[in-house]
């Protein structure tokens, strides 16, 4: 499991390794829809694997987009405060964090 190094930059691209694969991840704030979205590309091939996936709390985000990539969950780090709302423009990487479990980790669970 990794915690993605997210920030509230309105558009940010970084690379990360999950399992044995390196991915390029881009996050964007969609002002019109008031939601963060994520694109995931295979760094080796450049193939886009996930496009404009909304980052919403409490669901397996990859399930509908690319279940072969494992499991990704957005969590409210301040759940004790009872907010339980999706990330706003300044919440990504602070109040709302995203955890990514490789397919191997999901199989063992």
PDB file of N, CA and C in Angstrom:
ATOM      1  N   UNK A   1       0.848  -1.178   0.000  1.00  0.00           N
ATOM      2  CA  UNK A   1       0.000   0.000   0.000  1.00  0.00           C
ATOM      3  C   UNK A   1       0.890   1.237   0.000  1.00  0.00           C
ATOM      4  N   UNK A   2       0.478   2.192  -0.783  1.00  0.00           N
ATOM      5  CA  UNK A   2       1.159   3.485  -0.740  1.00  0.00           C
ATOM      6  C   UNK A   2       0.111   4.582  -0.531  1.00  0.00           C
ATOM      7  N   UNK A   3       0.552   5.624   0.129  1.00  0.00           N
ATOM      8  CA  UNK A   3      -0.258   6.843   0.218  1.00  0.00           C
ATOM      9  C   UNK A   3       0.244   7.740  -0.900  1.00  0.00           C
ATOM     10  N   UNK A   4      -0.639   8.102  -1.808  1.00  0.00           N
ATOM     11  CA  UNK A   4      -0.227   8.938  -2.934  1.00  0.00           C
ATOM     12  C   UNK A   4       0.189  10.318  -2.443  1.00  0.00           C
ATOM     13  N   UNK A   5       1.262  10.867  -3.004  1.00  0.00           N
ATOM     14  CA  UNK A   5       1.760  12.183  -2.575  1.00  0.00           C
ATOM     15  C   UNK A   5       0.967  13.313  -3.233  1.00  0.00           C
ATOM     16  N   UNK A   6      -0.266  13.452  -2.828  1.00  0.00           N
ATOM     17  CA  UNK A   6      -1.162  14.430  -3.443  1.00  0.00           C
ATOM     18  C   UNK A   6      -1.037  15.792  -2.777  1.00  0.00           C
ATOM     19  N   UNK A   7      -1.340  16.817  -3.552  1.00  0.00           N
ATOM     20  CA  UNK A   7      -1.394  18.187  -3.051  1.00  0.00           C
ATOM     21  C   UNK A   7      -2.632  18.852  -3.640  1.00  0.00           C
ATOM     22  N   UNK A   8      -2.911  20.028  -3.194  1.00  0.00           N
ATOM     23  CA  UNK A   8      -4.062  20.768  -3.711  1.00  0.00           C
ATOM     24  C   UNK A   8      -3.695  21.688  -4.869  1.00  0.00           C
ATOM     25  N   UNK A   9      -2.559  21.414  -5.535  1.00  0.00           N
ATOM     26  CA  UNK A   9      -2.256  22.145  -6.771  1.00  0.00           C
ATOM     27  C   UNK A   9      -3.384  21.843  -7.749  1.00  0.00           C
ATOM     28  N   UNK A  10      -3.935  22.835  -8.444  1.00  0.00           N
ATOM     29  CA  UNK A  10      -5.090  22.598  -9.320  1.00  0.00           C
ATOM     30  C   UNK A  10      -4.834  21.566 -10.416  1.00  0.00           C
ATOM     31  N   UNK A  11      -3.571  21.384 -10.819  1.00  0.00           N
ATOM     32  CA  UNK A  11      -3.199  20.311 -11.742  1.00  0.00           C
ATOM     33  C   UNK A  11      -1.782  19.900 -11.405  1.00  0.00           C
ATOM     34  N   UNK A  12      -1.597  18.610 -11.163  1.00  0.00           N
ATOM     35  CA  UNK A  12      -0.281  18.116 -10.756  1.00  0.00           C
ATOM     36  C   UNK A  12      -0.044  16.760 -11.389  1.00  0.00           C
ATOM     37  N   UNK A  13       1.173  16.530 -11.879  1.00  0.00           N
ATOM     38  CA  UNK A  13       1.562  15.246 -12.443  1.00  0.00           C
ATOM     39  C   UNK A  13       2.796  14.737 -11.702  1.00  0.00           C
ATOM     40  N   UNK A  14       2.783  13.454 -11.356  1.00  0.00           N
ATOM     41  CA  UNK A  14       3.918  12.827 -10.681  1.00  0.00           C
ATOM     42  C   UNK A  14       3.959  11.354 -11.065  1.00  0.00           C
ATOM     43  N   UNK A  15       5.063  10.686 -10.762  1.00  0.00           N
ATOM     44  CA  UNK A  15       5.152   9.251 -10.986  1.00  0.00           C
ATOM     45  C   UNK A  15       5.186   8.528  -9.655  1.00  0.00           C
ATOM     46  N   UNK A  16       4.684   7.297  -9.661  1.00  0.00           N
ATOM     47  CA  UNK A  16       4.687   6.471  -8.470  1.00  0.00           C
ATOM     48  C   UNK A  16       4.798   5.016  -8.894  1.00  0.00           C
ATOM     49  N   UNK A  17       5.273   4.184  -8.004  1.00  0.00           N
ATOM     50  CA  UNK A  17       5.385   2.752  -8.280  1.00  0.00           C
ATOM     51  C   UNK A  17       4.404   2.018  -7.388  1.00  0.00           C
ATOM     52  N   UNK A  18       3.574   1.192  -8.017  1.00  0.00           N
ATOM     53  CA  UNK A  18       2.620   0.345  -7.293  1.00  0.00           C
ATOM     54  C   UNK A  18       2.897  -1.078  -7.759  1.00  0.00           C
ATOM     55  N   UNK A  19       3.167  -1.959  -6.792  1.00  0.00           N
ATOM     56  CA  UNK A  19       3.585  -3.300  -7.172  1.00  0.00           C
ATOM     57  C   UNK A  19       4.911  -3.193  -7.901  1.00  0.00           C
ATOM     58  N   UNK A  20       4.978  -3.710  -9.119  1.00  0.00           N
ATOM     59  CA  UNK A  20       6.201  -3.646  -9.914  1.00  0.00           C
ATOM     60  C   UNK A  20       6.089  -2.678 -11.086  1.00  0.00           C
ATOM     61  N   UNK A  21       5.065  -1.845 -11.087  1.00  0.00           N
ATOM     62  CA  UNK A  21       4.802  -0.986 -12.239  1.00  0.00           C
ATOM     63  C   UNK A  21       4.902   0.486 -11.857  1.00  0.00           C
ATOM     64  N   UNK A  22       5.510   1.257 -12.755  1.00  0.00           N
ATOM     65  CA  UNK A  22       5.609   2.706 -12.564  1.00  0.00           C
ATOM     66  C   UNK A  22       4.469   3.368 -13.329  1.00  0.00           C
ATOM     67  N   UNK A  23       3.772   4.264 -12.652  1.00  0.00           N
ATOM     68  CA  UNK A  23       2.640   4.968 -13.239  1.00  0.00           C
ATOM     69  C   UNK A  23       2.877   6.472 -13.203  1.00  0.00           C
ATOM     70  N   UNK A  24       2.327   7.156 -14.186  1.00  0.00           N
ATOM     71  CA  UNK A  24       2.262   8.621 -14.168  1.00  0.00           C
ATOM     72  C   UNK A  24       0.840   8.983 -13.770  1.00  0.00           C
ATOM     73  N   UNK A  25       0.725   9.794 -12.750  1.00  0.00           N
ATOM     74  CA  UNK A  25      -0.580  10.170 -12.204  1.00  0.00           C
ATOM     75  C   UNK A  25      -0.761  11.678 -12.366  1.00  0.00           C
ATOM     76  N   UNK A  26      -1.923  12.083 -12.846  1.00  0.00           N
ATOM     77  CA  UNK A  26      -2.255  13.501 -12.955  1.00  0.00           C
ATOM     78  C   UNK A  26      -3.553  13.741 -12.208  1.00  0.00           C
ATOM     79  N   UNK A  27      -3.536  14.719 -11.320  1.00  0.00           N
ATOM     80  CA  UNK A  27      -4.759  15.120 -10.619  1.00  0.00           C
ATOM     81  C   UNK A  27      -5.138  16.511 -11.088  1.00  0.00           C
ATOM     82  N   UNK A  28      -6.448  16.731 -11.158  1.00  0.00           N
ATOM     83  CA  UNK A  28      -6.975  18.041 -11.583  1.00  0.00           C
ATOM     84  C   UNK A  28      -8.195  18.394 -10.739  1.00  0.00           C
ATOM     85  N   UNK A  29      -8.309  19.670 -10.426  1.00  0.00           N
ATOM     86  CA  UNK A  29      -9.521  20.168  -9.784  1.00  0.00           C
ATOM     87  C   UNK A  29     -10.475  20.606 -10.890  1.00  0.00           C
ATOM     88  N   UNK A  30     -11.677  20.038 -10.909  1.00  0.00           N
ATOM     89  CA  UNK A  30     -12.700  20.403 -11.880  1.00  0.00           C
ATOM     90  C   UNK A  30     -13.620  21.408 -11.198  1.00  0.00           C
ATOM     91  N   UNK A  31     -13.427  22.677 -11.504  1.00  0.00           N
ATOM     92  CA  UNK A  31     -14.178  23.738 -10.837  1.00  0.00           C
ATOM     93  C   UNK A  31     -15.673  23.653 -11.134  1.00  0.00           C
ATOM     94  N   UNK A  32     -16.012  23.319 -12.358  1.00  0.00           N
ATOM     95  CA  UNK A  32     -17.429  23.231 -12.738  1.00  0.00           C
ATOM     96  C   UNK A  32     -18.158  22.135 -11.954  1.00  0.00           C
ATOM     97  N   UNK A  33     -17.552  20.938 -11.857  1.00  0.00           N
ATOM     98  CA  UNK A  33     -18.185  19.810 -11.161  1.00  0.00           C
ATOM     99  C   UNK A  33     -17.860  19.798  -9.670  1.00  0.00           C
ATOM    100  N   UNK A  34     -16.897  20.644  -9.248  1.00  0.00           N
ATOM    101  CA  UNK A  34     -16.467  20.706  -7.853  1.00  0.00           C
ATOM    102  C   UNK A  34     -15.982  19.347  -7.359  1.00  0.00           C
ATOM    103  N   UNK A  35     -15.076  18.739  -8.157  1.00  0.00           N
ATOM    104  CA  UNK A  35     -14.531  17.426  -7.804  1.00  0.00           C
ATOM    105  C   UNK A  35     -13.096  17.310  -8.320  1.00  0.00           C
ATOM    106  N   UNK A  36     -12.282  16.576  -7.590  1.00  0.00           N
ATOM    107  CA  UNK A  36     -10.950  16.223  -8.051  1.00  0.00           C
ATOM    108  C   UNK A  36     -11.067  15.015  -8.963  1.00  0.00           C
ATOM    109  N   UNK A  37     -10.274  14.991 -10.032  1.00  0.00           N
ATOM    110  CA  UNK A  37     -10.219  13.824 -10.906  1.00  0.00           C
ATOM    111  C   UNK A  37      -8.772  13.379 -11.050  1.00  0.00           C
ATOM    112  N   UNK A  38      -8.619  12.120 -11.489  1.00  0.00           N
ATOM    113  CA  UNK A  38      -7.293  11.547 -11.643  1.00  0.00           C
ATOM    114  C   UNK A  38      -7.191  10.793 -12.964  1.00  0.00           C
ATOM    115  N   UNK A  39      -6.065  10.980 -13.641  1.00  0.00           N
ATOM    116  CA  UNK A  39      -5.694  10.179 -14.803  1.00  0.00           C
ATOM    117  C   UNK A  39      -4.506   9.320 -14.380  1.00  0.00           C
ATOM    118  N   UNK A  40      -4.460   8.095 -14.902  1.00  0.00           N
ATOM    119  CA  UNK A  40      -3.336   7.199 -14.626  1.00  0.00           C
ATOM    120  C   UNK A  40      -2.833   6.656 -15.957  1.00  0.00           C
ATOM    121  N   UNK A  41      -1.533   6.830 -16.193  1.00  0.00           N
ATOM    122  CA  UNK A  41      -0.893   6.318 -17.404  1.00  0.00           C
ATOM    123  C   UNK A  41       0.200   5.324 -17.017  1.00  0.00           C
ATOM    124  N   UNK A  42       0.422   4.334 -17.867  1.00  0.00           N
ATOM    125  CA  UNK A  42       1.538   3.420 -17.703  1.00  0.00           C
ATOM    126  C   UNK A  42       2.785   4.184 -18.153  1.00  0.00           C
ATOM    127  N   UNK A  43       3.730   4.383 -17.263  1.00  0.00           N
ATOM    128  CA  UNK A  43       4.919   5.178 -17.595  1.00  0.00           C
ATOM    129  C   UNK A  43       5.770   4.530 -18.683  1.00  0.00           C
ATOM    130  N   UNK A  44       5.812   3.201 -18.733  1.00  0.00           N
ATOM    131  CA  UNK A  44       6.652   2.511 -19.709  1.00  0.00           C
ATOM    132  C   UNK A  44       6.098   2.626 -21.126  1.00  0.00           C
ATOM    133  N   UNK A  45       4.785   2.507 -21.256  1.00  0.00           N
ATOM    134  CA  UNK A  45       4.181   2.493 -22.598  1.00  0.00           C
ATOM    135  C   UNK A  45       3.535   3.817 -22.980  1.00  0.00           C
ATOM    136  N   UNK A  46       3.209   4.634 -21.989  1.00  0.00           N
ATOM    137  CA  UNK A  46       2.492   5.882 -22.248  1.00  0.00           C
ATOM    138  C   UNK A  46       0.997   5.673 -22.406  1.00  0.00           C
ATOM    139  N   UNK A  47       0.531   4.414 -22.305  1.00  0.00           N
ATOM    140  CA  UNK A  47      -0.899   4.133 -22.452  1.00  0.00           C
ATOM    141  C   UNK A  47      -1.691   4.729 -21.298  1.00  0.00           C
ATOM    142  N   UNK A  48      -2.798   5.378 -21.627  1.00  0.00           N
ATOM    143  CA  UNK A  48      -3.679   5.896 -20.581  1.00  0.00           C
ATOM    144  C   UNK A  48      -4.548   4.749 -20.085  1.00  0.00           C
ATOM    145  N   UNK A  49      -4.503   4.512 -18.792  1.00  0.00           N
ATOM    146  CA  UNK A  49      -5.233   3.414 -18.175  1.00  0.00           C
ATOM    147  C   UNK A  49      -6.524   3.879 -17.515  1.00  0.00           C
ATOM    148  N   UNK A  50      -6.507   5.097 -17.004  1.00  0.00           N
ATOM    149  CA  UNK A  50      -7.665   5.682 -16.329  1.00  0.00           C
ATOM    150  C   UNK A  50      -7.743   7.145 -16.736  1.00  0.00           C
ATOM    151  N   UNK A  51      -8.945   7.604 -17.070  1.00  0.00           N
ATOM    152  CA  UNK A  51      -9.129   9.007 -17.457  1.00  0.00           C
ATOM    153  C   UNK A  51     -10.247   9.632 -16.643  1.00  0.00           C
ATOM    154  N   UNK A  52      -9.958  10.765 -16.039  1.00  0.00           N
ATOM    155  CA  UNK A  52     -10.948  11.595 -15.338  1.00  0.00           C
ATOM    156  C   UNK A  52     -11.740  10.827 -14.280  1.00  0.00           C
ATOM    157  N   UNK A  53     -11.045   9.991 -13.500  1.00  0.00           N
ATOM    158  CA  UNK A  53     -11.686   9.254 -12.419  1.00  0.00           C
ATOM    159  C   UNK A  53     -11.956  10.211 -11.254  1.00  0.00           C
ATOM    160  N   UNK A  54     -13.222  10.369 -10.832  1.00  0.00           N
ATOM    161  CA  UNK A  54     -13.520  11.253  -9.699  1.00  0.00           C
ATOM    162  C   UNK A  54     -12.981  10.673  -8.390  1.00  0.00           C
ATOM    163  N   UNK A  55     -12.388  11.522  -7.577  1.00  0.00           N
ATOM    164  CA  UNK A  55     -11.851  11.102  -6.285  1.00  0.00           C
ATOM    165  C   UNK A  55     -12.902  11.349  -5.210  1.00  0.00           C
ATOM    166  N   UNK A  56     -13.693  10.338  -4.963  1.00  0.00           N
ATOM    167  CA  UNK A  56     -14.770  10.421  -3.970  1.00  0.00           C
ATOM    168  C   UNK A  56     -14.441   9.505  -2.798  1.00  0.00           C
ATOM    169  N   UNK A  57     -14.936   9.861  -1.646  1.00  0.00           N
ATOM    170  CA  UNK A  57     -14.645   9.112  -0.427  1.00  0.00           C
ATOM    171  C   UNK A  57     -15.352   7.758  -0.381  1.00  0.00           C
ATOM    172  N   UNK A  58     -14.672   6.797   0.258  1.00  0.00           N
ATOM    173  CA  UNK A  58     -15.313   5.577   0.705  1.00  0.00           C
ATOM    174  C   UNK A  58     -15.614   4.498  -0.304  1.00  0.00           C
ATOM    175  N   UNK A  59     -15.146   4.604  -1.531  1.00  0.00           N
ATOM    176  CA  UNK A  59     -15.416   3.568  -2.527  1.00  0.00           C
ATOM    177  C   UNK A  59     -14.100   3.108  -3.127  1.00  0.00           C
ATOM    178  N   UNK A  60     -14.103   1.909  -3.711  1.00  0.00           N
ATOM    179  CA  UNK A  60     -12.939   1.461  -4.460  1.00  0.00           C
ATOM    180  C   UNK A  60     -12.948   2.225  -5.773  1.00  0.00           C
ATOM    181  N   UNK A  61     -12.116   3.229  -5.873  1.00  0.00           N
ATOM    182  CA  UNK A  61     -12.122   4.135  -7.023  1.00  0.00           C
ATOM    183  C   UNK A  61     -11.786   3.429  -8.330  1.00  0.00           C
ATOM    184  N   UNK A  62     -10.926   2.418  -8.276  1.00  0.00           N
ATOM    185  CA  UNK A  62     -10.507   1.734  -9.495  1.00  0.00           C
ATOM    186  C   UNK A  62     -11.495   0.685  -9.981  1.00  0.00           C
ATOM    187  N   UNK A  63     -12.408   0.295  -9.148  1.00  0.00           N
ATOM    188  CA  UNK A  63     -13.315  -0.813  -9.474  1.00  0.00           C
ATOM    189  C   UNK A  63     -14.020  -0.628 -10.819  1.00  0.00           C
ATOM    190  N   UNK A  64     -14.526   0.552 -11.096  1.00  0.00           N
ATOM    191  CA  UNK A  64     -15.254   0.800 -12.339  1.00  0.00           C
ATOM    192  C   UNK A  64     -14.341   1.190 -13.492  1.00  0.00           C
ATOM    193  N   UNK A  65     -13.129   1.620 -13.185  1.00  0.00           N
ATOM    194  CA  UNK A  65     -12.239   2.157 -14.218  1.00  0.00           C
ATOM    195  C   UNK A  65     -11.179   1.157 -14.660  1.00  0.00           C
ATOM    196  N   UNK A  66     -10.509   0.541 -13.699  1.00  0.00           N
ATOM    197  CA  UNK A  66      -9.402  -0.363 -14.018  1.00  0.00           C
ATOM    198  C   UNK A  66      -9.121  -1.289 -12.836  1.00  0.00           C
ATOM    199  N   UNK A  67     -10.004  -2.268 -12.590  1.00  0.00           N
ATOM    200  CA  UNK A  67      -9.836  -3.130 -11.417  1.00  0.00           C
ATOM    201  C   UNK A  67      -8.530  -3.915 -11.418  1.00  0.00           C
ATOM    202  N   UNK A  68      -7.929  -4.139 -12.578  1.00  0.00           N
ATOM    203  CA  UNK A  68      -6.669  -4.879 -12.646  1.00  0.00           C
ATOM    204  C   UNK A  68      -5.511  -4.111 -11.996  1.00  0.00           C
ATOM    205  N   UNK A  69      -5.696  -2.817 -11.750  1.00  0.00           N
ATOM    206  CA  UNK A  69      -4.640  -2.001 -11.132  1.00  0.00           C
ATOM    207  C   UNK A  69      -4.621  -2.125  -9.615  1.00  0.00           C
ATOM    208  N   UNK A  70      -5.579  -2.818  -9.040  1.00  0.00           N
ATOM    209  CA  UNK A  70      -5.642  -2.968  -7.591  1.00  0.00           C
ATOM    210  C   UNK A  70      -6.838  -2.230  -7.029  1.00  0.00           C
ATOM    211  N   UNK A  71      -6.657  -1.690  -5.841  1.00  0.00           N
ATOM    212  CA  UNK A  71      -7.722  -0.972  -5.142  1.00  0.00           C
ATOM    213  C   UNK A  71      -7.201   0.389  -4.718  1.00  0.00           C
ATOM    214  N   UNK A  72      -8.012   1.413  -4.916  1.00  0.00           N
ATOM    215  CA  UNK A  72      -7.657   2.769  -4.505  1.00  0.00           C
ATOM    216  C   UNK A  72      -8.826   3.333  -3.705  1.00  0.00           C
ATOM    217  N   UNK A  73      -8.508   3.885  -2.541  1.00  0.00           N
ATOM    218  CA  UNK A  73      -9.550   4.403  -1.660  1.00  0.00           C
ATOM    219  C   UNK A  73      -9.160   5.800  -1.179  1.00  0.00           C
ATOM    220  N   UNK A  74     -10.099   6.741  -1.286  1.00  0.00           N
ATOM    221  CA  UNK A  74      -9.921   8.086  -0.728  1.00  0.00           C
ATOM    222  C   UNK A  74     -10.522   8.081   0.677  1.00  0.00           C
ATOM    223  N   UNK A  75      -9.751   8.571   1.631  1.00  0.00           N
ATOM    224  CA  UNK A  75     -10.200   8.589   3.024  1.00  0.00           C
ATOM    225  C   UNK A  75     -10.128   9.999   3.589  1.00  0.00           C
ATOM    226  N   UNK A  76     -11.020  10.271   4.511  1.00  0.00           N
ATOM    227  CA  UNK A  76     -11.036  11.553   5.220  1.00  0.00           C
ATOM    228  C   UNK A  76     -10.156  11.396   6.446  1.00  0.00           C
ATOM    229  N   UNK A  77      -8.988  12.024   6.441  1.00  0.00           N
ATOM    230  CA  UNK A  77      -8.042  11.916   7.551  1.00  0.00           C
ATOM    231  C   UNK A  77      -8.585  12.530   8.828  1.00  0.00           C
ATOM    232  N   UNK A  78      -9.592  13.369   8.724  1.00  0.00           N
ATOM    233  CA  UNK A  78     -10.215  13.998   9.888  1.00  0.00           C
ATOM    234  C   UNK A  78     -11.610  13.437  10.110  1.00  0.00           C
ATOM    235  N   UNK A  79     -11.781  12.141   9.877  1.00  0.00           N
ATOM    236  CA  UNK A  79     -13.107  11.531  10.002  1.00  0.00           C
ATOM    237  C   UNK A  79     -13.701  11.753  11.395  1.00  0.00           C
ATOM    238  N   UNK A  80     -12.826  11.894  12.406  1.00  0.00           N
ATOM    239  CA  UNK A  80     -13.311  12.137  13.763  1.00  0.00           C
ATOM    240  C   UNK A  80     -14.087  13.446  13.851  1.00  0.00           C
ATOM    241  N   UNK A  81     -13.770  14.380  12.955  1.00  0.00           N
ATOM    242  CA  UNK A  81     -14.469  15.670  12.950  1.00  0.00           C
ATOM    243  C   UNK A  81     -15.845  15.549  12.319  1.00  0.00           C
ATOM    244  N   UNK A  82     -16.129  14.396  11.736  1.00  0.00           N
ATOM    245  CA  UNK A  82     -17.453  14.154  11.175  1.00  0.00           C
ATOM    246  C   UNK A  82     -17.713  14.830   9.843  1.00  0.00           C
ATOM    247  N   UNK A  83     -16.662  15.264   9.161  1.00  0.00           N
ATOM    248  CA  UNK A  83     -16.879  15.941   7.889  1.00  0.00           C
ATOM    249  C   UNK A  83     -17.431  14.968   6.849  1.00  0.00           C
ATOM    250  N   UNK A  84     -16.667  13.916   6.543  1.00  0.00           N
ATOM    251  CA  UNK A  84     -17.134  12.895   5.620  1.00  0.00           C
ATOM    252  C   UNK A  84     -17.578  13.417   4.272  1.00  0.00           C
ATOM    253  N   UNK A  85     -16.972  14.499   3.809  1.00  0.00           N
ATOM    254  CA  UNK A  85     -17.328  15.054   2.504  1.00  0.00           C
ATOM    255  C   UNK A  85     -16.115  14.946   1.587  1.00  0.00           C
ATOM    256  N   UNK A  86     -16.383  14.833   0.300  1.00  0.00           N
ATOM    257  CA  UNK A  86     -15.306  14.727  -0.679  1.00  0.00           C
ATOM    258  C   UNK A  86     -14.392  15.947  -0.606  1.00  0.00           C
ATOM    259  N   UNK A  87     -13.194  15.790  -1.150  1.00  0.00           N
ATOM    260  CA  UNK A  87     -12.190  16.850  -1.106  1.00  0.00           C
ATOM    261  C   UNK A  87     -12.651  18.082  -1.867  1.00  0.00           C
ATOM    262  N   UNK A  88     -12.508  19.226  -1.223  1.00  0.00           N
ATOM    263  CA  UNK A  88     -12.727  20.502  -1.883  1.00  0.00           C
ATOM    264  C   UNK A  88     -11.422  20.968  -2.507  1.00  0.00           C
ATOM    265  N   UNK A  89     -11.380  22.190  -3.022  1.00  0.00           N
ATOM    266  CA  UNK A  89     -10.202  22.664  -3.738  1.00  0.00           C
ATOM    267  C   UNK A  89      -8.911  22.672  -2.920  1.00  0.00           C
ATOM    268  N   UNK A  90      -9.004  22.748  -1.595  1.00  0.00           N
ATOM    269  CA  UNK A  90      -7.793  22.826  -0.770  1.00  0.00           C
ATOM    270  C   UNK A  90      -7.598  21.615   0.136  1.00  0.00           C
ATOM    271  N   UNK A  91      -8.368  20.550  -0.050  1.00  0.00           N
ATOM    272  CA  UNK A  91      -8.345  19.404   0.865  1.00  0.00           C
ATOM    273  C   UNK A  91      -7.500  18.221   0.414  1.00  0.00           C
ATOM    274  N   UNK A  92      -7.173  18.135  -0.871  1.00  0.00           N
ATOM    275  CA  UNK A  92      -6.492  16.951  -1.384  1.00  0.00           C
ATOM    276  C   UNK A  92      -5.064  16.882  -0.851  1.00  0.00           C
ATOM    277  N   UNK A  93      -4.712  15.738  -0.290  1.00  0.00           N
ATOM    278  CA  UNK A  93      -3.378  15.543   0.271  1.00  0.00           C
ATOM    279  C   UNK A  93      -3.272  15.951   1.725  1.00  0.00           C
ATOM    280  N   UNK A  94      -4.236  16.697   2.208  1.00  0.00           N
ATOM    281  CA  UNK A  94      -4.247  17.061   3.632  1.00  0.00           C
ATOM    282  C   UNK A  94      -5.408  16.336   4.293  1.00  0.00           C
ATOM    283  N   UNK A  95      -6.593  16.914   4.269  1.00  0.00           N
ATOM    284  CA  UNK A  95      -7.743  16.241   4.891  1.00  0.00           C
ATOM    285  C   UNK A  95      -8.105  14.961   4.156  1.00  0.00           C
ATOM    286  N   UNK A  96      -8.099  14.987   2.852  1.00  0.00           N
ATOM    287  CA  UNK A  96      -8.431  13.790   2.068  1.00  0.00           C
ATOM    288  C   UNK A  96      -7.153  13.214   1.484  1.00  0.00           C
ATOM    289  N   UNK A  97      -6.910  11.947   1.814  1.00  0.00           N
ATOM    290  CA  UNK A  97      -5.738  11.235   1.335  1.00  0.00           C
ATOM    291  C   UNK A  97      -6.192  10.020   0.531  1.00  0.00           C
ATOM    292  N   UNK A  98      -5.335   9.592  -0.388  1.00  0.00           N
ATOM    293  CA  UNK A  98      -5.683   8.469  -1.260  1.00  0.00           C
ATOM    294  C   UNK A  98      -4.654   7.363  -1.082  1.00  0.00           C
ATOM    295  N   UNK A  99      -5.157   6.156  -0.783  1.00  0.00           N
ATOM    296  CA  UNK A  99      -4.328   4.968  -0.601  1.00  0.00           C
ATOM    297  C   UNK A  99      -4.526   4.040  -1.791  1.00  0.00           C
ATOM    298  N   UNK A 100      -3.406   3.486  -2.293  1.00  0.00           N
ATOM    299  CA  UNK A 100      -3.448   2.585  -3.446  1.00  0.00           C
ATOM    300  C   UNK A 100      -2.825   1.260  -3.033  1.00  0.00           C
ATOM    301  N   UNK A 101      -3.603   0.188  -3.171  1.00  0.00           N
ATOM    302  CA  UNK A 101      -3.174  -1.169  -2.856  1.00  0.00           C
ATOM    303  C   UNK A 101      -2.932  -1.914  -4.166  1.00  0.00           C
ATOM    304  N   UNK A 102      -1.776  -2.535  -4.311  1.00  0.00           N
ATOM    305  CA  UNK A 102      -1.475  -3.281  -5.530  1.00  0.00           C
ATOM    306  C   UNK A 102      -2.383  -4.505  -5.625  1.00  0.00           C
ATOM    307  N   UNK A 103      -2.515  -5.078  -6.819  1.00  0.00           N
ATOM    308  CA  UNK A 103      -3.339  -6.286  -6.949  1.00  0.00           C
ATOM    309  C   UNK A 103      -2.875  -7.404  -6.013  1.00  0.00           C
ATOM    310  N   UNK A 104      -1.570  -7.563  -5.828  1.00  0.00           N
ATOM    311  CA  UNK A 104      -1.053  -8.592  -4.917  1.00  0.00           C
ATOM    312  C   UNK A 104      -1.479  -8.359  -3.470  1.00  0.00           C
ATOM    313  N   UNK A 105      -1.505  -7.123  -3.058  1.00  0.00           N
ATOM    314  CA  UNK A 105      -1.935  -6.803  -1.686  1.00  0.00           C
ATOM    315  C   UNK A 105      -3.416  -7.096  -1.513  1.00  0.00           C
ATOM    316  N   UNK A 106      -4.207  -6.842  -2.541  1.00  0.00           N
ATOM    317  CA  UNK A 106      -5.641  -7.077  -2.471  1.00  0.00           C
ATOM    318  C   UNK A 106      -5.913  -8.576  -2.396  1.00  0.00           C
ATOM    319  N   UNK A 107      -5.156  -9.390  -3.155  1.00  0.00           N
ATOM    320  CA  UNK A 107      -5.343 -10.844  -3.131  1.00  0.00           C
ATOM    321  C   UNK A 107      -5.046 -11.425  -1.768  1.00  0.00           C
ATOM    322  N   UNK A 108      -4.049 -10.871  -1.060  1.00  0.00           N
ATOM    323  CA  UNK A 108      -3.676 -11.389   0.254  1.00  0.00           C
ATOM    324  C   UNK A 108      -4.653 -11.002   1.341  1.00  0.00           C
ATOM    325  N   UNK A 109      -5.409  -9.929   1.127  1.00  0.00           N
ATOM    326  CA  UNK A 109      -6.297  -9.424   2.182  1.00  0.00           C
ATOM    327  C   UNK A 109      -7.509 -10.302   2.372  1.00  0.00           C
TER     328      UNK A 109
END
